[in-house]
């Protein structure tokens, strides 16, 4: 049954892309990426077994706010990542899948 449901959803999204203006589709995708980013910060922290109270330099309330933001400053992200005991690398990657070249924009290791 999963195949049927997945196929129906795929058709739904394909149909919606045909009906909605391209700008609207791009706005929706951007909002989805923001939501995914928000979820991944707390997911990453939990994966490494770090509690909100364990992060030095941040209160538990601050961590909760950072993890629930839809947008974050790079400097705040770096501080958060370092408080987790991790490094950060930001890359620019081509949107066209035919090109595999990447460019490292930022590399912050502890």
PDB file of N, CA and C in Angstrom:
ATOM      1  N   UNK A   1       0.805  -1.204   0.000  1.00  0.00           N
ATOM      2  CA  UNK A   1       0.000   0.000   0.000  1.00  0.00           C
ATOM      3  C   UNK A   1       0.847   1.267   0.000  1.00  0.00           C
ATOM      4  N   UNK A   2       2.058   1.207   0.512  1.00  0.00           N
ATOM      5  CA  UNK A   2       2.908   2.387   0.519  1.00  0.00           C
ATOM      6  C   UNK A   2       3.180   2.894  -0.887  1.00  0.00           C
ATOM      7  N   UNK A   3       3.350   2.001  -1.815  1.00  0.00           N
ATOM      8  CA  UNK A   3       3.619   2.384  -3.192  1.00  0.00           C
ATOM      9  C   UNK A   3       2.467   3.197  -3.759  1.00  0.00           C
ATOM     10  N   UNK A   4       1.257   2.776  -3.500  1.00  0.00           N
ATOM     11  CA  UNK A   4       0.089   3.504  -4.006  1.00  0.00           C
ATOM     12  C   UNK A   4       0.030   4.910  -3.418  1.00  0.00           C
ATOM     13  N   UNK A   5       0.233   5.024  -2.109  1.00  0.00           N
ATOM     14  CA  UNK A   5       0.157   6.319  -1.459  1.00  0.00           C
ATOM     15  C   UNK A   5       1.267   7.240  -1.964  1.00  0.00           C
ATOM     16  N   UNK A   6       2.474   6.711  -2.089  1.00  0.00           N
ATOM     17  CA  UNK A   6       3.592   7.498  -2.583  1.00  0.00           C
ATOM     18  C   UNK A   6       3.329   7.958  -4.006  1.00  0.00           C
ATOM     19  N   UNK A   7       2.805   7.070  -4.823  1.00  0.00           N
ATOM     20  CA  UNK A   7       2.521   7.414  -6.204  1.00  0.00           C
ATOM     21  C   UNK A   7       1.456   8.512  -6.278  1.00  0.00           C
ATOM     22  N   UNK A   8       0.434   8.408  -5.423  1.00  0.00           N
ATOM     23  CA  UNK A   8      -0.614   9.432  -5.404  1.00  0.00           C
ATOM     24  C   UNK A   8      -0.046  10.780  -4.988  1.00  0.00           C
ATOM     25  N   UNK A   9       0.841  10.779  -3.972  1.00  0.00           N
ATOM     26  CA  UNK A   9       1.448  12.028  -3.532  1.00  0.00           C
ATOM     27  C   UNK A   9       2.327  12.621  -4.620  1.00  0.00           C
ATOM     28  N   UNK A  10       3.096  11.776  -5.285  1.00  0.00           N
ATOM     29  CA  UNK A  10       3.958  12.257  -6.352  1.00  0.00           C
ATOM     30  C   UNK A  10       3.117  12.906  -7.439  1.00  0.00           C
ATOM     31  N   UNK A  11       2.050  12.254  -7.831  1.00  0.00           N
ATOM     32  CA  UNK A  11       1.159  12.823  -8.838  1.00  0.00           C
ATOM     33  C   UNK A  11       0.552  14.135  -8.350  1.00  0.00           C
ATOM     34  N   UNK A  12       0.189  14.189  -7.078  1.00  0.00           N
ATOM     35  CA  UNK A  12      -0.391  15.408  -6.512  1.00  0.00           C
ATOM     36  C   UNK A  12       0.589  16.572  -6.654  1.00  0.00           C
ATOM     37  N   UNK A  13       1.855  16.349  -6.251  1.00  0.00           N
ATOM     38  CA  UNK A  13       2.845  17.418  -6.315  1.00  0.00           C
ATOM     39  C   UNK A  13       3.148  17.812  -7.757  1.00  0.00           C
ATOM     40  N   UNK A  14       3.217  16.838  -8.626  1.00  0.00           N
ATOM     41  CA  UNK A  14       3.441  17.145 -10.042  1.00  0.00           C
ATOM     42  C   UNK A  14       2.277  17.951 -10.604  1.00  0.00           C
ATOM     43  N   UNK A  15       1.065  17.579 -10.239  1.00  0.00           N
ATOM     44  CA  UNK A  15      -0.119  18.308 -10.709  1.00  0.00           C
ATOM     45  C   UNK A  15      -0.130  19.738 -10.164  1.00  0.00           C
ATOM     46  N   UNK A  16       0.227  19.897  -8.906  1.00  0.00           N
ATOM     47  CA  UNK A  16       0.241  21.235  -8.308  1.00  0.00           C
ATOM     48  C   UNK A  16       1.289  22.117  -8.979  1.00  0.00           C
ATOM     49  N   UNK A  17       2.433  21.545  -9.322  1.00  0.00           N
ATOM     50  CA  UNK A  17       3.469  22.324  -9.999  1.00  0.00           C
ATOM     51  C   UNK A  17       2.991  22.812 -11.365  1.00  0.00           C
ATOM     52  N   UNK A  18       2.144  22.044 -12.011  1.00  0.00           N
ATOM     53  CA  UNK A  18       1.606  22.450 -13.307  1.00  0.00           C
ATOM     54  C   UNK A  18       0.584  23.570 -13.156  1.00  0.00           C
ATOM     55  N   UNK A  19      -0.128  23.584 -12.031  1.00  0.00           N
ATOM     56  CA  UNK A  19      -1.206  24.550 -11.828  1.00  0.00           C
ATOM     57  C   UNK A  19      -0.743  25.882 -11.246  1.00  0.00           C
ATOM     58  N   UNK A  20       0.261  25.836 -10.369  1.00  0.00           N
ATOM     59  CA  UNK A  20       0.698  27.045  -9.678  1.00  0.00           C
ATOM     60  C   UNK A  20       1.772  27.783 -10.468  1.00  0.00           C
ATOM     61  N   UNK A  21       1.829  29.107 -10.296  1.00  0.00           N
ATOM     62  CA  UNK A  21       2.893  29.880 -10.954  1.00  0.00           C
ATOM     63  C   UNK A  21       4.271  29.452 -10.425  1.00  0.00           C
ATOM     64  N   UNK A  22       5.274  29.563 -11.281  1.00  0.00           N
ATOM     65  CA  UNK A  22       6.637  29.143 -10.927  1.00  0.00           C
ATOM     66  C   UNK A  22       7.137  29.877  -9.672  1.00  0.00           C
ATOM     67  N   UNK A  23       6.820  31.158  -9.539  1.00  0.00           N
ATOM     68  CA  UNK A  23       7.254  31.942  -8.372  1.00  0.00           C
ATOM     69  C   UNK A  23       6.676  31.361  -7.084  1.00  0.00           C
ATOM     70  N   UNK A  24       5.435  30.955  -7.132  1.00  0.00           N
ATOM     71  CA  UNK A  24       4.781  30.370  -5.957  1.00  0.00           C
ATOM     72  C   UNK A  24       5.453  29.055  -5.575  1.00  0.00           C
ATOM     73  N   UNK A  25       5.774  28.245  -6.555  1.00  0.00           N
ATOM     74  CA  UNK A  25       6.457  26.972  -6.309  1.00  0.00           C
ATOM     75  C   UNK A  25       7.808  27.236  -5.642  1.00  0.00           C
ATOM     76  N   UNK A  26       8.557  28.221  -6.134  1.00  0.00           N
ATOM     77  CA  UNK A  26       9.866  28.541  -5.563  1.00  0.00           C
ATOM     78  C   UNK A  26       9.734  29.026  -4.118  1.00  0.00           C
ATOM     79  N   UNK A  27       8.728  29.850  -3.842  1.00  0.00           N
ATOM     80  CA  UNK A  27       8.488  30.323  -2.476  1.00  0.00           C
ATOM     81  C   UNK A  27       8.164  29.159  -1.542  1.00  0.00           C
ATOM     82  N   UNK A  28       7.360  28.240  -2.005  1.00  0.00           N
ATOM     83  CA  UNK A  28       6.984  27.068  -1.206  1.00  0.00           C
ATOM     84  C   UNK A  28       8.212  26.210  -0.914  1.00  0.00           C
ATOM     85  N   UNK A  29       9.051  25.994  -1.915  1.00  0.00           N
ATOM     86  CA  UNK A  29      10.267  25.197  -1.724  1.00  0.00           C
ATOM     87  C   UNK A  29      11.215  25.874  -0.732  1.00  0.00           C
ATOM     88  N   UNK A  30      11.329  27.197  -0.805  1.00  0.00           N
ATOM     89  CA  UNK A  30      12.188  27.927   0.128  1.00  0.00           C
ATOM     90  C   UNK A  30      11.676  27.789   1.557  1.00  0.00           C
ATOM     91  N   UNK A  31      10.383  27.923   1.749  1.00  0.00           N
ATOM     92  CA  UNK A  31       9.797  27.753   3.082  1.00  0.00           C
ATOM     93  C   UNK A  31      10.008  26.334   3.597  1.00  0.00           C
ATOM     94  N   UNK A  32       9.887  25.360   2.730  1.00  0.00           N
ATOM     95  CA  UNK A  32      10.119  23.965   3.129  1.00  0.00           C
ATOM     96  C   UNK A  32      11.557  23.773   3.573  1.00  0.00           C
ATOM     97  N   UNK A  33      12.510  24.367   2.855  1.00  0.00           N
ATOM     98  CA  UNK A  33      13.918  24.253   3.233  1.00  0.00           C
ATOM     99  C   UNK A  33      14.170  24.876   4.605  1.00  0.00           C
ATOM    100  N   UNK A  34      13.520  25.995   4.890  1.00  0.00           N
ATOM    101  CA  UNK A  34      13.671  26.633   6.211  1.00  0.00           C
ATOM    102  C   UNK A  34      13.165  25.701   7.311  1.00  0.00           C
ATOM    103  N   UNK A  35      12.041  25.063   7.071  1.00  0.00           N
ATOM    104  CA  UNK A  35      11.483  24.141   8.072  1.00  0.00           C
ATOM    105  C   UNK A  35      12.409  22.946   8.277  1.00  0.00           C
ATOM    106  N   UNK A  36      12.947  22.417   7.200  1.00  0.00           N
ATOM    107  CA  UNK A  36      13.858  21.274   7.288  1.00  0.00           C
ATOM    108  C   UNK A  36      15.105  21.661   8.061  1.00  0.00           C
ATOM    109  N   UNK A  37      15.640  22.863   7.803  1.00  0.00           N
ATOM    110  CA  UNK A  37      16.829  23.338   8.515  1.00  0.00           C
ATOM    111  C   UNK A  37      16.562  23.414  10.009  1.00  0.00           C
ATOM    112  N   UNK A  38      15.406  23.942  10.367  1.00  0.00           N
ATOM    113  CA  UNK A  38      15.045  24.071  11.776  1.00  0.00           C
ATOM    114  C   UNK A  38      15.053  22.702  12.454  1.00  0.00           C
ATOM    115  N   UNK A  39      14.509  21.724  11.799  1.00  0.00           N
ATOM    116  CA  UNK A  39      14.436  20.389  12.372  1.00  0.00           C
ATOM    117  C   UNK A  39      15.812  19.740  12.492  1.00  0.00           C
ATOM    118  N   UNK A  40      16.682  19.994  11.568  1.00  0.00           N
ATOM    119  CA  UNK A  40      17.974  19.326  11.550  1.00  0.00           C
ATOM    120  C   UNK A  40      18.906  19.810  12.654  1.00  0.00           C
ATOM    121  N   UNK A  41      18.801  21.037  13.112  1.00  0.00           N
ATOM    122  CA  UNK A  41      19.672  21.495  14.198  1.00  0.00           C
ATOM    123  C   UNK A  41      19.449  20.667  15.459  1.00  0.00           C
ATOM    124  N   UNK A  42      18.213  20.516  15.859  1.00  0.00           N
ATOM    125  CA  UNK A  42      17.948  19.728  17.066  1.00  0.00           C
ATOM    126  C   UNK A  42      18.226  18.252  16.814  1.00  0.00           C
ATOM    127  N   UNK A  43      17.962  17.786  15.607  1.00  0.00           N
ATOM    128  CA  UNK A  43      18.239  16.392  15.258  1.00  0.00           C
ATOM    129  C   UNK A  43      19.738  16.103  15.355  1.00  0.00           C
ATOM    130  N   UNK A  44      20.550  17.034  14.866  1.00  0.00           N
ATOM    131  CA  UNK A  44      21.998  16.870  14.924  1.00  0.00           C
ATOM    132  C   UNK A  44      22.476  16.811  16.374  1.00  0.00           C
ATOM    133  N   UNK A  45      21.997  17.745  17.178  1.00  0.00           N
ATOM    134  CA  UNK A  45      22.397  17.799  18.581  1.00  0.00           C
ATOM    135  C   UNK A  45      22.037  16.494  19.290  1.00  0.00           C
ATOM    136  N   UNK A  46      20.835  16.023  19.058  1.00  0.00           N
ATOM    137  CA  UNK A  46      20.372  14.783  19.692  1.00  0.00           C
ATOM    138  C   UNK A  46      21.171  13.579  19.209  1.00  0.00           C
ATOM    139  N   UNK A  47      21.528  13.575  17.935  1.00  0.00           N
ATOM    140  CA  UNK A  47      22.298  12.462  17.374  1.00  0.00           C
ATOM    141  C   UNK A  47      23.643  12.310  18.096  1.00  0.00           C
ATOM    142  N   UNK A  48      24.224  13.420  18.492  1.00  0.00           N
ATOM    143  CA  UNK A  48      25.497  13.391  19.197  1.00  0.00           C
ATOM    144  C   UNK A  48      25.321  13.263  20.707  1.00  0.00           C
ATOM    145  N   UNK A  49      24.081  13.069  21.152  1.00  0.00           N
ATOM    146  CA  UNK A  49      23.814  12.849  22.573  1.00  0.00           C
ATOM    147  C   UNK A  49      24.014  14.084  23.434  1.00  0.00           C
ATOM    148  N   UNK A  50      23.793  15.253  22.857  1.00  0.00           N
ATOM    149  CA  UNK A  50      23.987  16.511  23.570  1.00  0.00           C
ATOM    150  C   UNK A  50      22.626  17.059  23.982  1.00  0.00           C
ATOM    151  N   UNK A  51      22.496  17.385  25.266  1.00  0.00           N
ATOM    152  CA  UNK A  51      21.253  18.004  25.747  1.00  0.00           C
ATOM    153  C   UNK A  51      21.380  19.522  25.621  1.00  0.00           C
ATOM    154  N   UNK A  52      20.264  20.199  25.552  1.00  0.00           N
ATOM    155  CA  UNK A  52      20.282  21.660  25.455  1.00  0.00           C
ATOM    156  C   UNK A  52      21.055  22.278  26.616  1.00  0.00           C
ATOM    157  N   UNK A  53      20.919  21.719  27.793  1.00  0.00           N
ATOM    158  CA  UNK A  53      21.606  22.259  28.974  1.00  0.00           C
ATOM    159  C   UNK A  53      23.116  22.044  28.930  1.00  0.00           C
ATOM    160  N   UNK A  54      23.596  21.156  28.058  1.00  0.00           N
ATOM    161  CA  UNK A  54      25.024  20.845  27.978  1.00  0.00           C
ATOM    162  C   UNK A  54      25.831  21.862  27.182  1.00  0.00           C
ATOM    163  N   UNK A  55      25.179  22.683  26.391  1.00  0.00           N
ATOM    164  CA  UNK A  55      25.897  23.608  25.514  1.00  0.00           C
ATOM    165  C   UNK A  55      26.393  24.823  26.293  1.00  0.00           C
ATOM    166  N   UNK A  56      27.708  24.968  26.341  1.00  0.00           N
ATOM    167  CA  UNK A  56      28.308  26.086  27.081  1.00  0.00           C
ATOM    168  C   UNK A  56      28.168  27.375  26.286  1.00  0.00           C
ATOM    169  N   UNK A  57      27.903  28.454  26.993  1.00  0.00           N
ATOM    170  CA  UNK A  57      27.756  29.759  26.358  1.00  0.00           C
ATOM    171  C   UNK A  57      26.329  30.073  25.927  1.00  0.00           C
ATOM    172  N   UNK A  58      25.428  29.115  26.115  1.00  0.00           N
ATOM    173  CA  UNK A  58      24.019  29.296  25.751  1.00  0.00           C
ATOM    174  C   UNK A  58      23.143  28.815  26.898  1.00  0.00           C
ATOM    175  N   UNK A  59      22.061  29.520  27.124  1.00  0.00           N
ATOM    176  CA  UNK A  59      21.072  29.016  28.076  1.00  0.00           C
ATOM    177  C   UNK A  59      20.183  28.017  27.350  1.00  0.00           C
ATOM    178  N   UNK A  60      19.446  27.234  28.095  1.00  0.00           N
ATOM    179  CA  UNK A  60      18.530  26.266  27.495  1.00  0.00           C
ATOM    180  C   UNK A  60      17.486  26.991  26.652  1.00  0.00           C
ATOM    181  N   UNK A  61      17.035  28.135  27.136  1.00  0.00           N
ATOM    182  CA  UNK A  61      16.036  28.925  26.406  1.00  0.00           C
ATOM    183  C   UNK A  61      16.619  29.415  25.080  1.00  0.00           C
ATOM    184  N   UNK A  62      17.883  29.853  25.095  1.00  0.00           N
ATOM    185  CA  UNK A  62      18.532  30.323  23.866  1.00  0.00           C
ATOM    186  C   UNK A  62      18.633  29.209  22.827  1.00  0.00           C
ATOM    187  N   UNK A  63      19.013  28.023  23.287  1.00  0.00           N
ATOM    188  CA  UNK A  63      19.128  26.879  22.375  1.00  0.00           C
ATOM    189  C   UNK A  63      17.765  26.553  21.777  1.00  0.00           C
ATOM    190  N   UNK A  64      16.743  26.554  22.605  1.00  0.00           N
ATOM    191  CA  UNK A  64      15.390  26.272  22.125  1.00  0.00           C
ATOM    192  C   UNK A  64      14.988  27.284  21.057  1.00  0.00           C
ATOM    193  N   UNK A  65      15.305  28.549  21.269  1.00  0.00           N
ATOM    194  CA  UNK A  65      14.970  29.594  20.291  1.00  0.00           C
ATOM    195  C   UNK A  65      15.756  29.403  18.994  1.00  0.00           C
ATOM    196  N   UNK A  66      17.038  29.116  19.115  1.00  0.00           N
ATOM    197  CA  UNK A  66      17.874  28.903  17.927  1.00  0.00           C
ATOM    198  C   UNK A  66      17.317  27.744  17.104  1.00  0.00           C
ATOM    199  N   UNK A  67      16.981  26.664  17.777  1.00  0.00           N
ATOM    200  CA  UNK A  67      16.510  25.469  17.081  1.00  0.00           C
ATOM    201  C   UNK A  67      15.112  25.623  16.497  1.00  0.00           C
ATOM    202  N   UNK A  68      14.378  26.618  16.937  1.00  0.00           N
ATOM    203  CA  UNK A  68      13.031  26.804  16.397  1.00  0.00           C
ATOM    204  C   UNK A  68      12.963  27.954  15.387  1.00  0.00           C
ATOM    205  N   UNK A  69      14.091  28.616  15.136  1.00  0.00           N
ATOM    206  CA  UNK A  69      14.114  29.700  14.151  1.00  0.00           C
ATOM    207  C   UNK A  69      13.997  29.163  12.743  1.00  0.00           C
ATOM    208  N   UNK A  70      13.444  29.978  11.893  1.00  0.00           N
ATOM    209  CA  UNK A  70      13.389  29.640  10.475  1.00  0.00           C
ATOM    210  C   UNK A  70      14.559  30.265   9.733  1.00  0.00           C
ATOM    211  N   UNK A  71      15.271  31.156  10.395  1.00  0.00           N
ATOM    212  CA  UNK A  71      16.412  31.826   9.792  1.00  0.00           C
ATOM    213  C   UNK A  71      17.440  32.039  10.892  1.00  0.00           C
ATOM    214  N   UNK A  72      18.713  31.978  10.557  1.00  0.00           N
ATOM    215  CA  UNK A  72      19.748  32.108  11.569  1.00  0.00           C
ATOM    216  C   UNK A  72      20.966  32.795  10.956  1.00  0.00           C
ATOM    217  N   UNK A  73      21.617  33.636  11.736  1.00  0.00           N
ATOM    218  CA  UNK A  73      22.852  34.273  11.284  1.00  0.00           C
ATOM    219  C   UNK A  73      23.952  33.215  11.232  1.00  0.00           C
ATOM    220  N   UNK A  74      24.843  33.370  10.290  1.00  0.00           N
ATOM    221  CA  UNK A  74      25.945  32.413  10.180  1.00  0.00           C
ATOM    222  C   UNK A  74      26.801  32.442  11.434  1.00  0.00           C
ATOM    223  N   UNK A  75      27.030  33.614  12.001  1.00  0.00           N
ATOM    224  CA  UNK A  75      27.849  33.707  13.218  1.00  0.00           C
ATOM    225  C   UNK A  75      27.193  32.957  14.380  1.00  0.00           C
ATOM    226  N   UNK A  76      25.881  33.023  14.492  1.00  0.00           N
ATOM    227  CA  UNK A  76      25.166  32.283  15.536  1.00  0.00           C
ATOM    228  C   UNK A  76      25.256  30.789  15.274  1.00  0.00           C
ATOM    229  N   UNK A  77      25.125  30.395  14.018  1.00  0.00           N
ATOM    230  CA  UNK A  77      25.243  28.982  13.649  1.00  0.00           C
ATOM    231  C   UNK A  77      26.634  28.452  14.000  1.00  0.00           C
ATOM    232  N   UNK A  78      27.667  29.231  13.710  1.00  0.00           N
ATOM    233  CA  UNK A  78      29.040  28.815  14.035  1.00  0.00           C
ATOM    234  C   UNK A  78      29.191  28.631  15.538  1.00  0.00           C
ATOM    235  N   UNK A  79      28.696  29.589  16.323  1.00  0.00           N
ATOM    236  CA  UNK A  79      28.780  29.486  17.783  1.00  0.00           C
ATOM    237  C   UNK A  79      28.037  28.247  18.287  1.00  0.00           C
ATOM    238  N   UNK A  80      26.857  28.002  17.741  1.00  0.00           N
ATOM    239  CA  UNK A  80      26.046  26.842  18.127  1.00  0.00           C
ATOM    240  C   UNK A  80      26.783  25.542  17.800  1.00  0.00           C
ATOM    241  N   UNK A  81      27.299  25.443  16.586  1.00  0.00           N
ATOM    242  CA  UNK A  81      28.013  24.242  16.143  1.00  0.00           C
ATOM    243  C   UNK A  81      29.247  24.005  17.006  1.00  0.00           C
ATOM    244  N   UNK A  82      30.003  25.059  17.287  1.00  0.00           N
ATOM    245  CA  UNK A  82      31.191  24.925  18.136  1.00  0.00           C
ATOM    246  C   UNK A  82      30.813  24.505  19.551  1.00  0.00           C
ATOM    247  N   UNK A  83      29.706  25.035  20.066  1.00  0.00           N
ATOM    248  CA  UNK A  83      29.248  24.643  21.404  1.00  0.00           C
ATOM    249  C   UNK A  83      28.881  23.158  21.443  1.00  0.00           C
ATOM    250  N   UNK A  84      28.494  22.612  20.294  1.00  0.00           N
ATOM    251  CA  UNK A  84      28.200  21.177  20.197  1.00  0.00           C
ATOM    252  C   UNK A  84      29.487  20.355  20.064  1.00  0.00           C
ATOM    253  N   UNK A  85      30.621  21.047  19.960  1.00  0.00           N
ATOM    254  CA  UNK A  85      31.898  20.353  19.799  1.00  0.00           C
ATOM    255  C   UNK A  85      32.140  19.893  18.368  1.00  0.00           C
ATOM    256  N   UNK A  86      31.559  20.598  17.423  1.00  0.00           N
ATOM    257  CA  UNK A  86      31.651  20.226  16.012  1.00  0.00           C
ATOM    258  C   UNK A  86      32.234  21.366  15.190  1.00  0.00           C
ATOM    259  N   UNK A  87      32.640  21.064  13.980  1.00  0.00           N
ATOM    260  CA  UNK A  87      33.083  22.064  13.028  1.00  0.00           C
ATOM    261  C   UNK A  87      31.991  22.283  11.992  1.00  0.00           C
ATOM    262  N   UNK A  88      32.192  23.286  11.160  1.00  0.00           N
ATOM    263  CA  UNK A  88      31.182  23.638  10.164  1.00  0.00           C
ATOM    264  C   UNK A  88      31.848  23.896   8.823  1.00  0.00           C
ATOM    265  N   UNK A  89      31.216  23.423   7.771  1.00  0.00           N
ATOM    266  CA  UNK A  89      31.681  23.682   6.416  1.00  0.00           C
ATOM    267  C   UNK A  89      30.473  24.039   5.573  1.00  0.00           C
ATOM    268  N   UNK A  90      30.560  25.168   4.889  1.00  0.00           N
ATOM    269  CA  UNK A  90      29.478  25.605   4.005  1.00  0.00           C
ATOM    270  C   UNK A  90      30.011  25.581   2.582  1.00  0.00           C
ATOM    271  N   UNK A  91      29.286  24.862   1.715  1.00  0.00           N
ATOM    272  CA  UNK A  91      29.704  24.704   0.323  1.00  0.00           C
ATOM    273  C   UNK A  91      28.666  25.276  -0.622  1.00  0.00           C
ATOM    274  N   UNK A  92      29.155  25.761  -1.751  1.00  0.00           N
ATOM    275  CA  UNK A  92      28.278  26.121  -2.863  1.00  0.00           C
ATOM    276  C   UNK A  92      28.334  24.946  -3.831  1.00  0.00           C
ATOM    277  N   UNK A  93      27.163  24.456  -4.208  1.00  0.00           N
ATOM    278  CA  UNK A  93      27.087  23.315  -5.130  1.00  0.00           C
ATOM    279  C   UNK A  93      26.213  23.695  -6.320  1.00  0.00           C
ATOM    280  N   UNK A  94      26.537  23.188  -7.496  1.00  0.00           N
ATOM    281  CA  UNK A  94      25.729  23.516  -8.676  1.00  0.00           C
ATOM    282  C   UNK A  94      24.304  22.983  -8.548  1.00  0.00           C
ATOM    283  N   UNK A  95      23.355  23.740  -9.034  1.00  0.00           N
ATOM    284  CA  UNK A  95      21.968  23.288  -9.031  1.00  0.00           C
ATOM    285  C   UNK A  95      21.735  22.223 -10.091  1.00  0.00           C
ATOM    286  N   UNK A  96      22.490  22.293 -11.178  1.00  0.00           N
ATOM    287  CA  UNK A  96      22.374  21.279 -12.226  1.00  0.00           C
ATOM    288  C   UNK A  96      23.162  20.056 -11.795  1.00  0.00           C
ATOM    289  N   UNK A  97      22.498  18.934 -11.772  1.00  0.00           N
ATOM    290  CA  UNK A  97      23.111  17.706 -11.271  1.00  0.00           C
ATOM    291  C   UNK A  97      24.208  17.176 -12.181  1.00  0.00           C
ATOM    292  N   UNK A  98      24.308  17.691 -13.385  1.00  0.00           N
ATOM    293  CA  UNK A  98      25.326  17.208 -14.304  1.00  0.00           C
ATOM    294  C   UNK A  98      26.722  17.653 -13.861  1.00  0.00           C
ATOM    295  N   UNK A  99      26.804  18.786 -13.166  1.00  0.00           N
ATOM    296  CA  UNK A  99      28.089  19.277 -12.670  1.00  0.00           C
ATOM    297  C   UNK A  99      28.289  18.797 -11.244  1.00  0.00           C
ATOM    298  N   UNK A 100      29.471  18.298 -10.949  1.00  0.00           N
ATOM    299  CA  UNK A 100      29.740  17.770  -9.624  1.00  0.00           C
ATOM    300  C   UNK A 100      30.701  18.655  -8.848  1.00  0.00           C
ATOM    301  N   UNK A 101      31.057  19.775  -9.394  1.00  0.00           N
ATOM    302  CA  UNK A 101      32.018  20.665  -8.763  1.00  0.00           C
ATOM    303  C   UNK A 101      31.395  21.360  -7.554  1.00  0.00           C
ATOM    304  N   UNK A 102      32.176  21.493  -6.488  1.00  0.00           N
ATOM    305  CA  UNK A 102      31.744  22.189  -5.275  1.00  0.00           C
ATOM    306  C   UNK A 102      32.768  23.261  -4.937  1.00  0.00           C
ATOM    307  N   UNK A 103      32.327  24.288  -4.239  1.00  0.00           N
ATOM    308  CA  UNK A 103      33.234  25.345  -3.810  1.00  0.00           C
ATOM    309  C   UNK A 103      33.008  25.578  -2.324  1.00  0.00           C
ATOM    310  N   UNK A 104      34.045  25.418  -1.508  1.00  0.00           N
ATOM    311  CA  UNK A 104      33.922  25.622  -0.065  1.00  0.00           C
ATOM    312  C   UNK A 104      33.955  27.125   0.203  1.00  0.00           C
ATOM    313  N   UNK A 105      32.882  27.628   0.777  1.00  0.00           N
ATOM    314  CA  UNK A 105      32.774  29.049   1.108  1.00  0.00           C
ATOM    315  C   UNK A 105      33.300  29.341   2.505  1.00  0.00           C
ATOM    316  N   UNK A 106      33.070  28.415   3.417  1.00  0.00           N
ATOM    317  CA  UNK A 106      33.425  28.632   4.825  1.00  0.00           C
ATOM    318  C   UNK A 106      33.800  27.308   5.453  1.00  0.00           C
ATOM    319  N   UNK A 107      34.893  27.307   6.185  1.00  0.00           N
ATOM    320  CA  UNK A 107      35.306  26.102   6.893  1.00  0.00           C
ATOM    321  C   UNK A 107      35.779  26.533   8.279  1.00  0.00           C
ATOM    322  N   UNK A 108      34.993  26.174   9.275  1.00  0.00           N
ATOM    323  CA  UNK A 108      35.296  26.535  10.664  1.00  0.00           C
ATOM    324  C   UNK A 108      35.446  25.263  11.480  1.00  0.00           C
ATOM    325  N   UNK A 109      36.653  24.903  11.760  1.00  0.00           N
ATOM    326  CA  UNK A 109      36.913  23.722  12.569  1.00  0.00           C
ATOM    327  C   UNK A 109      37.444  24.175  13.922  1.00  0.00           C
ATOM    328  N   UNK A 110      37.158  23.390  14.940  1.00  0.00           N
ATOM    329  CA  UNK A 110      37.584  23.749  16.310  1.00  0.00           C
ATOM    330  C   UNK A 110      39.071  23.702  16.415  1.00  0.00           C
TER     331      UNK A 110
END
